[in-house]
PDB file of N, CA and C in Angstrom:
ATOM      1  N   MET A   1     -42.769-142.877  42.671  1.00  0.00           N
ATOM      2  CA  MET A   1     -43.136-143.720  41.843  1.00  0.00           C
ATOM      3  C   MET A   1     -45.031-143.501  41.703  1.00  0.00           C
ATOM      4  N   TYR A   2     -45.224-144.149  42.416  1.00  0.00           N
ATOM      5  CA  TYR A   2     -46.369-143.866  42.867  1.00  0.00           C
ATOM      6  C   TYR A   2     -47.609-142.622  42.508  1.00  0.00           C
ATOM      7  N   LEU A   3     -46.904-141.316  43.112  1.00  0.00           N
ATOM      8  CA  LEU A   3     -47.161-140.356  43.101  1.00  0.00           C
ATOM      9  C   LEU A   3     -47.599-139.805  41.599  1.00  0.00           C
ATOM     10  N   ASN A   4     -46.497-140.076  40.768  1.00  0.00           N
ATOM     11  CA  ASN A   4     -46.472-139.617  39.148  1.00  0.00           C
ATOM     12  C   ASN A   4     -47.906-140.979  38.266  1.00  0.00           C
ATOM     13  N   HIS A   5     -47.506-141.773  38.737  1.00  0.00           N
ATOM     14  CA  HIS A   5     -48.122-143.089  38.249  1.00  0.00           C
ATOM     15  C   HIS A   5     -49.428-142.917  38.312  1.00  0.00           C
ATOM     16  N   TYR A   6     -50.157-142.511  39.583  1.00  0.00           N
ATOM     17  CA  TYR A   6     -51.719-142.692  39.621  1.00  0.00           C
ATOM     18  C   TYR A   6     -52.094-141.183  40.335  1.00  0.00           C
ATOM     19  N   SER A   7     -51.168-140.173  39.690  1.00  0.00           N
ATOM     20  CA  SER A   7     -51.882-138.871  40.411  1.00  0.00           C
ATOM     21  C   SER A   7     -52.121-138.860  41.167  1.00  0.00           C
ATOM     22  N   LEU A   8     -51.437-139.138  42.691  1.00  0.00           N
ATOM     23  CA  LEU A   8     -51.650-139.024  43.492  1.00  0.00           C
ATOM     24  C   LEU A   8     -51.415-137.379  44.174  1.00  0.00           C
ATOM     25  N   ARG A   9     -51.577-137.227  45.245  1.00  0.00           N
ATOM     26  CA  ARG A   9     -51.215-135.744  45.785  1.00  0.00           C
ATOM     27  C   ARG A   9     -50.509-135.755  47.146  1.00  0.00           C
ATOM     28  N   GLU A  10     -50.589-137.072  47.912  1.00  0.00           N
ATOM     29  CA  GLU A  10     -49.118-137.142  48.921  1.00  0.00           C
ATOM     30  C   GLU A  10     -49.203-139.375  48.428  1.00  0.00           C
ATOM     31  N   LYS A  11     -48.012-138.794  49.560  1.00  0.00           N
ATOM     32  CA  LYS A  11     -47.326-140.390  49.822  1.00  0.00           C
ATOM     33  C   LYS A  11     -48.519-141.369  49.735  1.00  0.00           C
ATOM     34  N   PRO A  12     -48.935-142.532  49.414  1.00  0.00           N
ATOM     35  CA  PRO A  12     -50.016-143.499  49.974  1.00  0.00           C
ATOM     36  C   PRO A  12     -49.783-144.089  51.032  1.00  0.00           C
ATOM     37  N   PHE A  13     -48.536-144.621  51.361  1.00  0.00           N
ATOM     38  CA  PHE A  13     -47.660-145.296  52.285  1.00  0.00           C
ATOM     39  C   PHE A  13     -46.988-144.896  53.354  1.00  0.00           C
ATOM     40  N   SER A  14     -47.553-144.826  54.572  1.00  0.00           N
ATOM     41  CA  SER A  14     -46.808-144.463  55.517  1.00  0.00           C
ATOM     42  C   SER A  14     -46.781-145.005  57.167  1.00  0.00           C
ATOM     43  N   ILE A  15     -46.107-145.332  57.953  1.00  0.00           N
ATOM     44  CA  ILE A  15     -45.614-145.762  59.140  1.00  0.00           C
ATOM     45  C   ILE A  15     -46.802-145.571  60.081  1.00  0.00           C
ATOM     46  N   SER A  16     -46.965-144.128  60.148  1.00  0.00           N
ATOM     47  CA  SER A  16     -48.102-143.744  60.763  1.00  0.00           C
ATOM     48  C   SER A  16     -49.226-143.407  60.429  1.00  0.00           C
ATOM     49  N   PRO A  17     -50.313-143.935  61.432  1.00  0.00           N
ATOM     50  CA  PRO A  17     -51.630-143.973  60.569  1.00  0.00           C
ATOM     51  C   PRO A  17     -52.191-142.152  60.373  1.00  0.00           C
ATOM     52  N   ASP A  18     -52.952-141.838  59.409  1.00  0.00           N
ATOM     53  CA  ASP A  18     -52.977-140.336  59.362  1.00  0.00           C
ATOM     54  C   ASP A  18     -54.371-140.127  59.959  1.00  0.00           C
ATOM     55  N   PRO A  19     -55.006-139.721  60.771  1.00  0.00           N
ATOM     56  CA  PRO A  19     -56.712-139.399  61.300  1.00  0.00           C
ATOM     57  C   PRO A  19     -57.059-138.997  60.340  1.00  0.00           C
ATOM     58  N   ARG A  20     -56.796-137.942  59.147  1.00  0.00           N
ATOM     59  CA  ARG A  20     -57.560-137.691  58.206  1.00  0.00           C
ATOM     60  C   ARG A  20     -58.462-138.865  57.635  1.00  0.00           C
ATOM     61  N   PHE A  21     -57.947-140.252  57.412  1.00  0.00           N
ATOM     62  CA  PHE A  21     -58.445-141.060  57.085  1.00  0.00           C
ATOM     63  C   PHE A  21     -59.447-141.859  58.089  1.00  0.00           C
ATOM     64  N   LEU A  22     -59.577-141.726  58.815  1.00  0.00           N
ATOM     65  CA  LEU A  22     -60.478-142.603  60.161  1.00  0.00           C
ATOM     66  C   LEU A  22     -61.743-142.183  59.804  1.00  0.00           C
ATOM     67  N   TRP A  23     -62.578-144.075  59.829  1.00  0.00           N
ATOM     68  CA  TRP A  23     -63.956-143.986  59.564  1.00  0.00           C
ATOM     69  C   TRP A  23     -64.475-145.034  60.793  1.00  0.00           C
ATOM     70  N   PHE A  24     -65.578-143.636  60.999  1.00  0.00           N
ATOM     71  CA  PHE A  24     -65.915-144.520  62.110  1.00  0.00           C
ATOM     72  C   PHE A  24     -67.524-145.434  61.213  1.00  0.00           C
ATOM     73  N   GLY A  25     -67.617-146.622  61.867  1.00  0.00           N
ATOM     74  CA  GLY A  25     -68.774-147.650  61.620  1.00  0.00           C
ATOM     75  C   GLY A  25     -69.806-147.325  62.575  1.00  0.00           C
ATOM     76  N   GLU A  26     -71.037-148.086  62.665  1.00  0.00           N
ATOM     77  CA  GLU A  26     -72.143-148.212  63.652  1.00  0.00           C
ATOM     78  C   GLU A  26     -71.170-148.729  65.419  1.00  0.00           C
ATOM     79  N   LYS A  27     -70.004-149.860  64.797  1.00  0.00           N
ATOM     80  CA  LYS A  27     -69.951-150.426  65.822  1.00  0.00           C
ATOM     81  C   LYS A  27     -68.858-149.792  66.487  1.00  0.00           C
ATOM     82  N   HIS A  28     -68.045-148.881  65.532  1.00  0.00           N
ATOM     83  CA  HIS A  28     -66.738-148.006  66.391  1.00  0.00           C
ATOM     84  C   HIS A  28     -67.243-147.162  67.042  1.00  0.00           C
ATOM     85  N   LYS A  29     -68.541-146.822  66.468  1.00  0.00           N
ATOM     86  CA  LYS A  29     -69.306-145.115  67.335  1.00  0.00           C
ATOM     87  C   LYS A  29     -69.646-145.647  68.756  1.00  0.00           C
ATOM     88  N   GLU A  30     -69.822-147.232  68.788  1.00  0.00           N
ATOM     89  CA  GLU A  30     -70.692-147.787  69.866  1.00  0.00           C
ATOM     90  C   GLU A  30     -69.644-148.112  70.697  1.00  0.00           C
ATOM     91  N   ALA A  31     -68.743-148.164  70.578  1.00  0.00           N
ATOM     92  CA  ALA A  31     -67.823-148.721  71.281  1.00  0.00           C
ATOM     93  C   ALA A  31     -66.828-147.235  71.461  1.00  0.00           C
ATOM     94  N   LEU A  32     -66.909-146.168  71.438  1.00  0.00           N
ATOM     95  CA  LEU A  32     -66.072-145.274  71.551  1.00  0.00           C
ATOM     96  C   LEU A  32     -66.694-144.570  72.744  1.00  0.00           C
ATOM     97  N   ALA A  33     -68.077-144.749  73.179  1.00  0.00           N
ATOM     98  CA  ALA A  33     -69.126-144.071  73.443  1.00  0.00           C
ATOM     99  C   ALA A  33     -69.291-145.077  74.752  1.00  0.00           C
ATOM    100  N   VAL A  34     -69.170-146.395  74.911  1.00  0.00           N
ATOM    101  CA  VAL A  34     -68.316-146.821  76.054  1.00  0.00           C
ATOM    102  C   VAL A  34     -67.451-147.050  76.256  1.00  0.00           C
ATOM    103  N   LEU A  35     -66.462-146.533  76.049  1.00  0.00           N
ATOM    104  CA  LEU A  35     -65.059-145.703  76.522  1.00  0.00           C
ATOM    105  C   LEU A  35     -65.425-145.116  77.316  1.00  0.00           C
ATOM    106  N   LYS A  36     -66.104-143.518  76.033  1.00  0.00           N
ATOM    107  CA  LYS A  36     -65.758-142.358  77.369  1.00  0.00           C
ATOM    108  C   LYS A  36     -67.173-142.455  78.504  1.00  0.00           C
ATOM    109  N   TYR A  37     -68.010-143.231  78.089  1.00  0.00           N
ATOM    110  CA  TYR A  37     -69.035-143.570  79.215  1.00  0.00           C
ATOM    111  C   TYR A  37     -67.828-144.096  80.280  1.00  0.00           C
ATOM    112  N   GLY A  38     -67.422-144.972  80.564  1.00  0.00           N
ATOM    113  CA  GLY A  38     -66.736-145.712  81.100  1.00  0.00           C
ATOM    114  C   GLY A  38     -65.396-144.514  81.992  1.00  0.00           C
ATOM    115  N   ILE A  39     -64.882-143.852  81.653  1.00  0.00           N
ATOM    116  CA  ILE A  39     -63.978-143.107  81.400  1.00  0.00           C
ATOM    117  C   ILE A  39     -64.259-142.035  82.268  1.00  0.00           C
ATOM    118  N   LEU A  40     -65.241-141.180  81.915  1.00  0.00           N
ATOM    119  CA  LEU A  40     -65.935-140.177  82.752  1.00  0.00           C
ATOM    120  C   LEU A  40     -66.951-139.989  83.817  1.00  0.00           C
ATOM    121  N   GLU A  41     -67.518-141.485  83.860  1.00  0.00           N
ATOM    122  CA  GLU A  41     -67.969-142.031  85.126  1.00  0.00           C
ATOM    123  C   GLU A  41     -67.465-142.819  86.141  1.00  0.00           C
ATOM    124  N   ASP A  42     -66.378-142.882  86.025  1.00  0.00           N
ATOM    125  CA  ASP A  42     -65.251-143.689  86.790  1.00  0.00           C
ATOM    126  C   ASP A  42     -65.350-145.156  87.047  1.00  0.00           C
ATOM    127  N   LYS A  43     -65.153-145.914  86.034  1.00  0.00           N
ATOM    128  CA  LYS A  43     -66.069-147.158  85.634  1.00  0.00           C
ATOM    129  C   LYS A  43     -64.731-147.990  86.538  1.00  0.00           C
ATOM    130  N   GLY A  44     -63.769-147.819  86.335  1.00  0.00           N
ATOM    131  CA  GLY A  44     -62.231-148.307  86.967  1.00  0.00           C
ATOM    132  C   GLY A  44     -61.762-148.662  85.458  1.00  0.00           C
ATOM    133  N   PHE A  45     -61.599-150.446  85.236  1.00  0.00           N
ATOM    134  CA  PHE A  45     -60.564-151.290  84.639  1.00  0.00           C
ATOM    135  C   PHE A  45     -61.951-151.052  83.418  1.00  0.00           C
ATOM    136  N   LEU A  46     -61.243-150.798  81.853  1.00  0.00           N
ATOM    137  CA  LEU A  46     -61.652-150.788  80.771  1.00  0.00           C
ATOM    138  C   LEU A  46     -61.221-151.978  79.563  1.00  0.00           C
ATOM    139  N   LEU A  47     -62.146-152.717  79.163  1.00  0.00           N
ATOM    140  CA  LEU A  47     -61.306-154.070  78.461  1.00  0.00           C
ATOM    141  C   LEU A  47     -62.462-153.968  76.893  1.00  0.00           C
ATOM    142  N   LEU A  48     -61.583-153.315  75.802  1.00  0.00           N
ATOM    143  CA  LEU A  48     -62.160-153.536  74.576  1.00  0.00           C
ATOM    144  C   LEU A  48     -62.076-154.737  73.758  1.00  0.00           C
ATOM    145  N   THR A  49     -62.790-155.363  73.678  1.00  0.00           N
ATOM    146  CA  THR A  49     -62.564-156.453  72.288  1.00  0.00           C
ATOM    147  C   THR A  49     -63.269-156.624  70.805  1.00  0.00           C
ATOM    148  N   GLY A  50     -62.704-157.078  70.099  1.00  0.00           N
ATOM    149  CA  GLY A  50     -63.186-157.715  68.872  1.00  0.00           C
ATOM    150  C   GLY A  50     -62.994-158.200  67.932  1.00  0.00           C
ATOM    151  N   ASP A  51     -63.146-158.237  66.997  1.00  0.00           N
ATOM    152  CA  ASP A  51     -62.506-159.458  65.704  1.00  0.00           C
ATOM    153  C   ASP A  51     -61.297-158.693  65.353  1.00  0.00           C
ATOM    154  N   ILE A  52     -60.629-159.193  64.762  1.00  0.00           N
ATOM    155  CA  ILE A  52     -59.656-158.998  64.318  1.00  0.00           C
ATOM    156  C   ILE A  52     -59.576-158.507  63.308  1.00  0.00           C
ATOM    157  N   GLY A  53     -58.879-157.225  62.515  1.00  0.00           N
ATOM    158  CA  GLY A  53     -59.210-156.544  61.201  1.00  0.00           C
ATOM    159  C   GLY A  53     -60.318-155.295  61.048  1.00  0.00           C
TER     160      GLY A  53
END
């Protein structure tokens, strides 16, 4: 229904997220860098928190 009506090339709703549409904002990049640092430097437990949404 959506494909023809809106001239879409693929289905717009999926149960699993598609990594092709992942967008990294500045805060996302910073959080990923901190997580990578914690893992690579074997810092133990890591906790990532943030606003909802």
